[in-house]
Amino acid sequence: MIKYFAVENYKSIKNKAILEFDSNLAEDYPYPASAVIGFAGANASGKTTILQAIRFAFWFMQKSFSAIQEREAIPSHPFVTTSKLPSKFHLIFTQKNSENKYIDYEYLLTVNQEQVLKEDVYYYPNNSQEQELVYERKEKQVKFGKNIHILGEDVISALPITSSIISFLAQFPSQNIAQNLQKYPNGSNVNRMGLMQFEFKPSIIKNFADDSILEEQLINILRIADVGIESVNLKPIPENEKKVIEHLINTSDSESRLFSQQRTREMLSEVKFKHKVDDILVEFSDIYESAGTLKLIVLLEKIQLAFNQGYSLIFDEIELQLHQNLIAYLIGLFENPHQNIEGGQILFSFHNTALMEILQPNQLWFTEKNDQGQTEIFSAADFTDIKDIQQRNLEELYRIGRFGAKPRAL
């Protein structure tokens, strides 16, 4: 779970923005940080930007060594008027160890488009308040913590200036913490450019079908959504169609063949949905299902990952194509320790103000652009002058303009 995030000089965020997800928790709250974080605000105020910033920090930490090629710029995207200054990121997140205890990790990154300027990694062993150094890096100079296996200068000299030390050192078996951090489970439907990445695939249905409990949960939630679905099955396509696909793969050029081979597993099976129509069961292919139903299935797969792996799920515009009551139900599951066994977390942006009714003040965050075009980020919990805010209707307070973060002319 993400407990703390700070970012400075990234896209529309010029000045340092601090987000604390482990503050103002109830004494009996079952998790070390809020399992639910929602971002609201006007269009183009920075909701997607803050989600991208969090996603970038994880992406760079975990994947930059393999993802950024030699002489390729780091996609740090500084604020337009401070493009010569570095971007800064600060993450504190927690992960369960083999003994089912939470261990906190701290990751600090200062980077421009040419190189990593500074990168520090700490951890808090045995639930201690005292941090211990893992790595301290200034450009290509690296210091190892006292309990970390030290690698030779020949290894450190191979560290690319555009790569995180975590993604680089995770390839060495002696660097257990780097390997743990690289595997920290997280995902998002936005990338650094804001493109939607989650899509429906037949393999999603296979993942549910391989686990009878998950399959039953899928069908139950589809019924709650009232889409008329009685069952979902994955079936091989007819033999004659299979031969056509295989022929196309074998006769295509090398570049197309590579793409086709990657898609073969998806293409050689199809999803069949059984609907009850006039008291009989009728089978439909997924191409006839609504976009909302398919998005719901994709979202359910990610939610199950969150529940079973302690996955941090970042989802932009979560209510698109789905009814607000259904989204509220799914979000509410994150607060249930019987469902959310491993402490999964969801961070999402939304426009439908009705979703504010299911959020606590510390879970509701706002983005707003000031007169200088800079995104500012704040929480409903910051409004300490609102009496008994924990018992107040947050949607009503937002609608009357108590929090701001609305289109100014309306």
Protein backbone atom coordinates (compact mmCIF):
# COMPACT_ATOMS: atom_id res chain seq x y z
CA MET A 1 0.00 0.00 0.00
CA ILE A 2 1.16 3.51 -0.79
CA LYS A 3 1.42 5.50 2.45
CA TYR A 4 2.98 8.75 1.22
CA PHE A 5 3.73 10.39 -2.12
CA ALA A 6 5.32 13.72 -2.99
CA VAL A 7 6.07 15.13 -6.43
CA GLU A 8 7.60 18.35 -7.72
CA ASN A 9 8.09 19.77 -11.23
CA TYR A 10 6.13 17.14 -13.15
CA LYS A 11 3.77 18.13 -15.96
CA SER A 12 1.25 20.65 -14.49
CA ILE A 13 2.59 20.18 -10.95
CA LYS A 14 5.24 22.85 -10.41
CA ASN A 15 5.53 23.19 -6.65
CA LYS A 16 5.90 20.25 -4.29
CA ALA A 17 2.64 18.40 -3.71
CA ILE A 18 2.40 16.09 -0.70
CA LEU A 19 -0.17 13.32 -0.33
CA GLU A 20 -0.41 11.37 2.92
CA PHE A 21 -2.55 8.25 2.71
CA ASP A 22 -1.77 6.97 6.22
CA SER A 23 -3.05 9.98 8.16
CA ASN A 24 -6.40 10.44 9.94
CA LEU A 25 -7.09 6.70 10.01
CA ALA A 26 -9.56 5.32 12.53
CA GLU A 27 -8.00 3.41 15.43
CA ASP A 28 -9.60 0.14 14.32
CA TYR A 29 -8.81 0.63 10.61
CA PRO A 30 -7.58 -2.76 9.32
CA TYR A 31 -4.81 -1.47 7.03
CA PRO A 32 -1.66 0.67 7.48
CA ALA A 33 -2.90 3.20 4.90
CA SER A 34 -6.23 4.01 3.33
CA ALA A 35 -7.31 1.28 0.94
CA VAL A 36 -9.37 3.78 -1.07
CA ILE A 37 -8.22 7.14 -2.47
CA GLY A 38 -10.37 9.20 -4.84
CA PHE A 39 -9.37 12.30 -6.83
CA ALA A 40 -11.99 14.84 -7.93
CA GLY A 41 -11.75 18.18 -9.68
CA ALA A 42 -12.54 20.08 -12.84
CA ASN A 43 -11.46 18.94 -16.28
CA ALA A 44 -7.75 19.53 -16.95
CA SER A 45 -7.11 20.29 -13.28
CA GLY A 46 -4.50 17.55 -12.84
CA LYS A 47 -6.37 14.40 -11.76
CA THR A 48 -4.74 12.27 -14.43
CA THR A 49 -1.41 14.01 -13.86
CA ILE A 50 -1.13 12.96 -10.21
CA LEU A 51 -2.01 9.37 -11.12
CA GLN A 52 0.61 9.47 -13.88
CA ALA A 53 3.19 10.83 -11.44
CA ILE A 54 2.65 7.92 -9.06
CA ARG A 55 2.71 5.50 -11.96
CA PHE A 56 5.92 7.07 -13.31
CA ALA A 57 7.71 6.68 -9.98
CA PHE A 58 6.90 2.97 -9.84
CA TRP A 59 7.60 2.45 -13.54
CA PHE A 60 10.99 4.13 -13.33
CA MET A 61 11.96 2.31 -10.14
CA GLN A 62 10.99 -1.10 -11.51
CA LYS A 63 11.45 -1.04 -15.28
CA SER A 64 13.72 1.78 -16.47
CA PHE A 65 16.78 -0.46 -16.91
CA SER A 66 15.03 -2.54 -19.57
CA ALA A 67 12.61 0.11 -20.86
CA ILE A 68 14.91 3.08 -21.56
CA GLN A 69 17.34 2.47 -24.39
CA GLU A 70 20.82 3.95 -24.68
CA ARG A 71 20.75 7.67 -25.61
CA GLU A 72 16.97 7.73 -25.03
CA ALA A 73 15.64 10.59 -22.91
CA ILE A 74 14.02 9.94 -19.54
CA PRO A 75 10.30 10.82 -19.89
CA SER A 76 10.22 12.95 -16.74
CA HIS A 77 8.07 15.76 -18.29
CA PRO A 78 8.97 18.80 -16.14
CA PHE A 79 6.70 21.83 -15.76
CA VAL A 80 6.93 23.98 -18.90
CA THR A 81 8.50 27.10 -17.32
CA THR A 82 10.94 25.11 -15.17
CA SER A 83 12.00 22.60 -17.81
CA LYS A 84 15.70 23.06 -16.93
CA LEU A 85 15.08 21.95 -13.35
CA PRO A 86 14.81 18.30 -12.28
CA SER A 87 11.63 16.47 -11.37
CA LYS A 88 11.44 14.99 -7.87
CA PHE A 89 9.49 12.02 -6.55
CA HIS A 90 9.19 10.59 -3.04
CA LEU A 91 7.37 7.33 -2.32
CA ILE A 92 6.76 5.51 0.94
CA PHE A 93 4.94 2.23 0.58
CA THR A 94 4.50 -0.92 2.60
CA GLN A 95 4.58 -4.57 1.65
CA LYS A 96 3.96 -7.80 3.55
CA ASN A 97 6.96 -10.07 4.08
CA SER A 98 7.04 -13.87 4.37
CA GLU A 99 5.99 -13.58 8.02
CA ASN A 100 2.88 -11.61 7.04
CA LYS A 101 4.24 -8.42 8.60
CA TYR A 102 4.28 -5.05 6.87
CA ILE A 103 7.69 -3.65 5.92
CA ASP A 104 7.93 0.02 4.88
CA TYR A 105 10.13 1.12 1.99
CA GLU A 106 11.11 4.65 1.03
CA TYR A 107 12.16 5.68 -2.47
CA LEU A 108 13.43 9.17 -3.39
CA LEU A 109 14.27 10.15 -6.96
CA THR A 110 15.63 13.33 -8.51
CA VAL A 111 15.87 13.11 -12.27
CA ASN A 112 16.04 15.21 -15.40
CA GLN A 113 15.62 14.05 -18.99
CA GLU A 114 19.34 13.28 -19.33
CA GLN A 115 20.13 11.34 -16.18
CA VAL A 116 19.40 10.33 -12.62
CA LEU A 117 20.82 13.04 -10.36
CA LYS A 118 19.99 11.50 -6.99
CA GLU A 119 18.32 8.30 -5.87
CA ASP A 120 17.96 7.00 -2.31
CA VAL A 121 16.34 3.82 -1.00
CA TYR A 122 15.57 3.04 2.65
CA TYR A 123 13.58 0.43 4.51
CA TYR A 124 12.17 0.07 8.01
CA PRO A 125 12.90 -3.48 9.24
CA ASN A 126 10.68 -5.27 11.77
CA ASN A 127 8.10 -2.47 11.78
CA SER A 128 10.73 -0.13 13.23
CA GLN A 129 10.50 3.66 13.14
CA GLU A 130 14.22 3.80 12.39
CA GLN A 131 15.08 3.79 8.72
CA GLU A 132 18.01 1.81 7.37
CA LEU A 133 19.87 2.69 4.21
CA VAL A 134 19.67 0.33 1.26
CA TYR A 135 21.25 2.45 -1.50
CA GLU A 136 22.33 6.07 -1.72
CA ARG A 137 23.18 7.30 -5.18
CA LYS A 138 24.45 10.58 -6.53
CA GLU A 139 24.71 10.32 -10.31
CA LYS A 140 26.92 7.19 -10.67
CA GLN A 141 28.36 7.18 -7.14
CA VAL A 142 26.62 4.52 -5.05
CA LYS A 143 26.77 3.83 -1.33
CA PHE A 144 25.42 0.54 0.04
CA GLY A 145 23.72 0.19 3.41
CA LYS A 146 25.53 -1.63 6.21
CA ASN A 147 23.38 -4.76 5.88
CA ILE A 148 23.39 -4.83 2.07
CA HIS A 149 25.75 -7.03 0.06
CA ILE A 150 28.24 -4.69 -1.65
CA LEU A 151 28.87 -5.15 -5.36
CA GLY A 152 32.14 -4.27 -7.02
CA GLU A 153 33.04 -1.11 -8.93
CA ASP A 154 32.90 -3.04 -12.20
CA VAL A 155 29.19 -3.64 -11.60
CA ILE A 156 28.42 -0.08 -10.52
CA SER A 157 30.28 1.34 -13.52
CA ALA A 158 27.78 -0.50 -15.74
CA LEU A 159 24.82 1.29 -14.12
CA PRO A 160 23.22 3.42 -16.89
CA ILE A 161 22.71 7.07 -16.04
CA THR A 162 19.10 6.79 -17.27
CA SER A 163 18.23 3.74 -15.16
CA SER A 164 17.03 3.36 -11.60
CA ILE A 165 19.37 1.54 -9.27
CA ILE A 166 16.53 -0.79 -8.28
CA SER A 167 15.75 -1.99 -11.81
CA PHE A 168 19.49 -2.42 -12.49
CA LEU A 169 20.54 -4.22 -9.29
CA ALA A 170 17.46 -6.46 -9.19
CA GLN A 171 19.19 -8.69 -11.74
CA PHE A 172 21.76 -9.71 -9.08
CA PRO A 173 20.67 -12.53 -6.69
CA SER A 174 22.42 -10.92 -3.70
CA GLN A 175 20.24 -7.80 -3.90
CA ASN A 176 17.12 -9.13 -2.19
CA ILE A 177 15.56 -5.77 -1.38
CA ALA A 178 15.99 -4.52 -4.96
CA GLN A 179 14.28 -7.69 -6.17
CA ASN A 180 11.43 -7.23 -3.68
CA LEU A 181 10.90 -3.64 -4.77
CA GLN A 182 10.94 -4.54 -8.43
CA LYS A 183 8.17 -7.06 -7.76
CA TYR A 184 5.95 -4.71 -5.75
CA PRO A 185 2.56 -5.32 -7.43
CA ASN A 186 0.94 -2.30 -9.05
CA GLY A 187 -0.84 -1.42 -12.25
CA SER A 188 -2.70 1.37 -13.98
CA ASN A 189 -4.97 2.08 -16.92
CA VAL A 190 -2.86 5.15 -17.74
CA ASN A 191 0.69 5.38 -18.92
CA ARG A 192 2.95 8.42 -19.00
CA MET A 193 1.05 9.78 -22.01
CA GLY A 194 -2.37 9.22 -20.47
CA LEU A 195 -3.40 6.40 -22.83
CA MET A 196 -5.88 3.76 -21.63
CA GLN A 197 -4.09 0.42 -21.37
CA PHE A 198 -6.50 -2.11 -19.90
CA GLU A 199 -8.45 -4.05 -22.52
CA PHE A 200 -10.71 -7.07 -22.50
CA LYS A 201 -9.03 -10.34 -23.53
CA PRO A 202 -10.21 -13.96 -23.47
CA SER A 203 -7.36 -14.78 -21.10
CA ILE A 204 -9.12 -12.74 -18.39
CA ILE A 205 -12.00 -15.22 -18.46
CA LYS A 206 -9.52 -18.09 -18.29
CA ASN A 207 -7.99 -16.60 -15.14
CA PHE A 208 -11.42 -16.58 -13.51
CA ALA A 209 -12.32 -20.06 -14.83
CA ASP A 210 -9.15 -21.54 -13.33
CA ASP A 211 -10.40 -20.68 -9.83
CA SER A 212 -13.93 -21.78 -8.96
CA ILE A 213 -14.26 -19.21 -6.16
CA LEU A 214 -13.23 -16.34 -8.44
CA GLU A 215 -15.50 -17.62 -11.19
CA GLU A 216 -18.47 -17.62 -8.81
CA GLN A 217 -17.62 -14.10 -7.65
CA LEU A 218 -17.47 -12.93 -11.27
CA ILE A 219 -20.91 -14.31 -12.08
CA ASN A 220 -22.41 -12.92 -8.86
CA ILE A 221 -21.15 -9.42 -9.56
CA LEU A 222 -22.29 -9.58 -13.18
CA ARG A 223 -25.74 -10.48 -11.87
CA ILE A 224 -25.60 -7.60 -9.39
CA ALA A 225 -24.85 -5.37 -12.37
CA ASP A 226 -28.09 -6.68 -13.90
CA VAL A 227 -26.64 -7.40 -17.31
CA GLY A 228 -28.62 -10.62 -17.68
CA ILE A 229 -25.59 -12.87 -17.79
CA GLU A 230 -25.99 -16.38 -16.39
CA SER A 231 -22.54 -17.77 -17.24
CA VAL A 232 -19.31 -16.95 -19.06
CA ASN A 233 -17.20 -19.58 -20.82
CA LEU A 234 -14.03 -19.74 -22.86
CA LYS A 235 -14.34 -21.98 -25.91
CA PRO A 236 -11.95 -22.95 -28.71
CA ILE A 237 -12.88 -21.50 -32.07
CA PRO A 238 -14.07 -23.93 -34.79
CA GLU A 239 -11.34 -25.97 -36.45
CA ASN A 240 -11.86 -24.40 -39.89
CA GLU A 241 -11.41 -20.88 -38.46
CA LYS A 242 -8.31 -22.03 -36.55
CA LYS A 243 -6.71 -23.22 -39.79
CA VAL A 244 -7.37 -19.85 -41.46
CA ILE A 245 -5.70 -17.98 -38.59
CA GLU A 246 -2.69 -20.30 -38.59
CA HIS A 247 -2.35 -19.90 -42.37
CA LEU A 248 -2.37 -16.11 -42.05
CA ILE A 249 0.33 -16.32 -39.37
CA ASN A 250 2.56 -18.59 -41.42
CA THR A 251 2.31 -16.54 -44.61
CA SER A 252 2.71 -13.05 -43.11
CA ASP A 253 5.98 -11.11 -43.12
CA SER A 254 8.33 -11.44 -40.15
CA GLU A 255 7.16 -8.30 -38.33
CA SER A 256 3.48 -9.17 -38.74
CA ARG A 257 4.20 -12.79 -37.81
CA LEU A 258 5.72 -11.70 -34.50
CA PHE A 259 2.61 -9.69 -33.68
CA SER A 260 0.37 -12.55 -34.81
CA GLN A 261 2.21 -15.07 -32.67
CA GLN A 262 1.74 -12.84 -29.66
CA ARG A 263 -1.99 -12.75 -30.35
CA THR A 264 -2.42 -16.42 -31.28
CA ARG A 265 -3.51 -17.59 -27.84
CA GLU A 266 -6.15 -14.88 -27.74
CA MET A 267 -7.37 -15.56 -31.27
CA LEU A 268 -7.71 -19.35 -30.97
CA SER A 269 -10.39 -19.10 -28.32
CA GLU A 270 -13.47 -16.95 -27.86
CA VAL A 271 -15.61 -15.90 -24.93
CA LYS A 272 -19.24 -16.98 -24.85
CA PHE A 273 -21.75 -15.22 -22.60
CA LYS A 274 -25.03 -16.97 -21.80
CA HIS A 275 -27.97 -14.62 -21.32
CA LYS A 276 -31.43 -15.47 -20.15
CA VAL A 277 -33.83 -14.24 -22.85
CA ASP A 278 -37.56 -15.07 -22.78
CA ASP A 279 -36.85 -17.77 -20.19
CA ILE A 280 -34.28 -19.55 -22.35
CA LEU A 281 -30.47 -19.36 -22.35
CA VAL A 282 -28.98 -17.74 -25.45
CA GLU A 283 -25.24 -17.72 -26.16
CA PHE A 284 -23.51 -14.56 -27.41
CA SER A 285 -19.88 -13.81 -28.34
CA ASP A 286 -18.07 -11.01 -26.52
CA ILE A 287 -18.35 -8.78 -29.59
CA TYR A 288 -22.05 -8.44 -28.79
CA GLU A 289 -21.51 -7.46 -25.16
CA SER A 290 -21.71 -3.85 -24.06
CA ALA A 291 -18.51 -1.87 -23.50
CA GLY A 292 -19.60 -1.42 -19.89
CA THR A 293 -19.86 -5.17 -19.28
CA LEU A 294 -16.42 -5.81 -20.76
CA LYS A 295 -14.91 -2.97 -18.74
CA LEU A 296 -16.51 -4.36 -15.59
CA ILE A 297 -14.83 -7.74 -16.19
CA VAL A 298 -11.45 -6.09 -16.75
CA LEU A 299 -11.87 -4.05 -13.57
CA LEU A 300 -12.89 -7.15 -11.61
CA GLU A 301 -9.73 -8.96 -12.68
CA LYS A 302 -7.59 -6.07 -11.41
CA ILE A 303 -9.55 -5.89 -8.18
CA GLN A 304 -8.95 -9.59 -7.54
CA LEU A 305 -5.23 -9.02 -8.09
CA ALA A 306 -5.40 -6.24 -5.53
CA PHE A 307 -7.18 -8.42 -2.98
CA ASN A 308 -4.98 -11.48 -3.43
CA GLN A 309 -1.56 -9.88 -4.01
CA GLY A 310 -1.71 -6.56 -2.14
CA TYR A 311 -1.84 -4.86 -5.54
CA SER A 312 -1.96 -1.04 -5.82
CA LEU A 313 -4.47 -0.31 -8.57
CA ILE A 314 -4.43 3.12 -10.24
CA PHE A 315 -7.53 3.76 -12.33
CA ASP A 316 -8.30 6.98 -14.21
CA GLU A 317 -11.98 7.96 -14.72
CA ILE A 318 -13.25 4.84 -13.01
CA GLU A 319 -16.95 5.49 -13.55
CA LEU A 320 -16.82 5.66 -17.37
CA GLN A 321 -19.33 3.19 -18.86
CA LEU A 322 -20.35 1.88 -15.42
CA HIS A 323 -23.24 2.78 -13.12
CA GLN A 324 -22.30 4.79 -10.02
CA ASN A 325 -23.93 2.27 -7.64
CA LEU A 326 -21.90 -0.57 -9.10
CA ILE A 327 -18.66 1.40 -8.80
CA ALA A 328 -19.54 2.34 -5.22
CA TYR A 329 -20.12 -1.34 -4.42
CA LEU A 330 -16.77 -2.41 -5.92
CA ILE A 331 -14.84 0.37 -4.19
CA GLY A 332 -16.50 -0.54 -0.90
CA LEU A 333 -15.07 -4.06 -1.14
CA PHE A 334 -11.59 -2.62 -0.59
CA GLU A 335 -12.61 -1.63 2.94
CA ASN A 336 -13.66 -5.20 3.77
CA PRO A 337 -10.76 -7.23 5.24
CA HIS A 338 -12.64 -10.46 4.51
CA GLN A 339 -12.56 -9.59 0.80
CA ASN A 340 -9.40 -7.52 0.64
CA ILE A 341 -7.23 -10.12 2.35
CA GLU A 342 -3.76 -8.89 1.36
CA GLY A 343 -4.36 -5.16 1.71
CA GLY A 344 -4.95 -4.10 -1.88
CA GLN A 345 -5.38 -0.40 -2.59
CA ILE A 346 -7.24 1.56 -5.25
CA LEU A 347 -6.44 5.13 -6.32
CA PHE A 348 -8.88 6.54 -8.84
CA SER A 349 -10.10 9.74 -10.44
CA PHE A 350 -13.78 10.47 -10.97
CA HIS A 351 -16.29 13.12 -12.03
CA ASN A 352 -19.51 11.69 -10.59
CA THR A 353 -19.87 13.54 -7.30
CA ALA A 354 -22.20 10.86 -5.94
CA LEU A 355 -19.08 8.75 -5.26
CA MET A 356 -18.07 11.29 -2.60
CA GLU A 357 -20.75 9.81 -0.36
CA ILE A 358 -18.73 6.60 0.11
CA LEU A 359 -15.45 8.39 0.93
CA GLN A 360 -14.07 9.66 4.22
CA PRO A 361 -12.46 13.14 4.26
CA ASN A 362 -8.95 11.64 4.31
CA GLN A 363 -9.84 9.53 1.25
CA LEU A 364 -11.18 12.40 -0.85
CA TRP A 365 -8.53 14.47 -2.65
CA PHE A 366 -8.97 17.42 -4.98
CA THR A 367 -6.93 18.83 -7.84
CA GLU A 368 -7.24 22.47 -8.84
CA LYS A 369 -5.30 24.74 -11.18
CA ASN A 370 -4.40 28.19 -9.90
CA ASP A 371 -4.18 31.36 -11.97
CA GLN A 372 -0.63 30.43 -13.03
CA GLY A 373 -1.71 27.11 -14.56
CA GLN A 374 -0.17 25.10 -11.71
CA THR A 375 -1.93 22.08 -10.22
CA GLU A 376 -2.53 22.18 -6.48
CA ILE A 377 -3.58 19.06 -4.59
CA PHE A 378 -5.37 18.94 -1.23
CA SER A 379 -7.63 16.68 0.81
CA ALA A 380 -11.07 17.23 2.29
CA ALA A 381 -9.43 16.43 5.63
CA ASP A 382 -7.35 19.61 5.26
CA PHE A 383 -10.48 21.71 5.91
CA THR A 384 -10.15 21.67 9.67
CA ASP A 385 -12.47 24.67 9.93
CA ILE A 386 -15.45 22.57 8.85
CA LYS A 387 -17.08 21.40 12.06
CA ASP A 388 -17.77 17.66 12.36
CA ILE A 389 -16.57 17.04 8.82
CA GLN A 390 -16.48 13.27 9.45
CA GLN A 391 -20.26 13.32 9.80
CA ARG A 392 -20.97 15.82 7.00
CA ASN A 393 -22.16 15.01 3.48
CA LEU A 394 -19.00 15.59 1.40
CA GLU A 395 -20.89 15.73 -1.89
CA GLU A 396 -23.15 18.48 -0.55
CA LEU A 397 -20.16 20.46 0.72
CA TYR A 398 -18.49 20.11 -2.68
CA ARG A 399 -21.61 21.16 -4.59
CA ILE A 400 -21.96 24.39 -2.60
CA GLY A 401 -18.29 25.19 -3.33
CA ARG A 402 -16.88 24.58 0.14
CA PHE A 403 -13.88 22.68 -1.21
CA GLY A 404 -13.37 24.56 -4.49
CA ALA A 405 -11.88 22.37 -7.24
CA LYS A 406 -14.81 23.14 -9.59
CA PRO A 407 -15.07 24.75 -13.05
CA ARG A 408 -14.74 28.43 -12.19
CA ALA A 409 -17.39 29.81 -14.55
CA LEU A 410 -20.11 27.42 -13.39
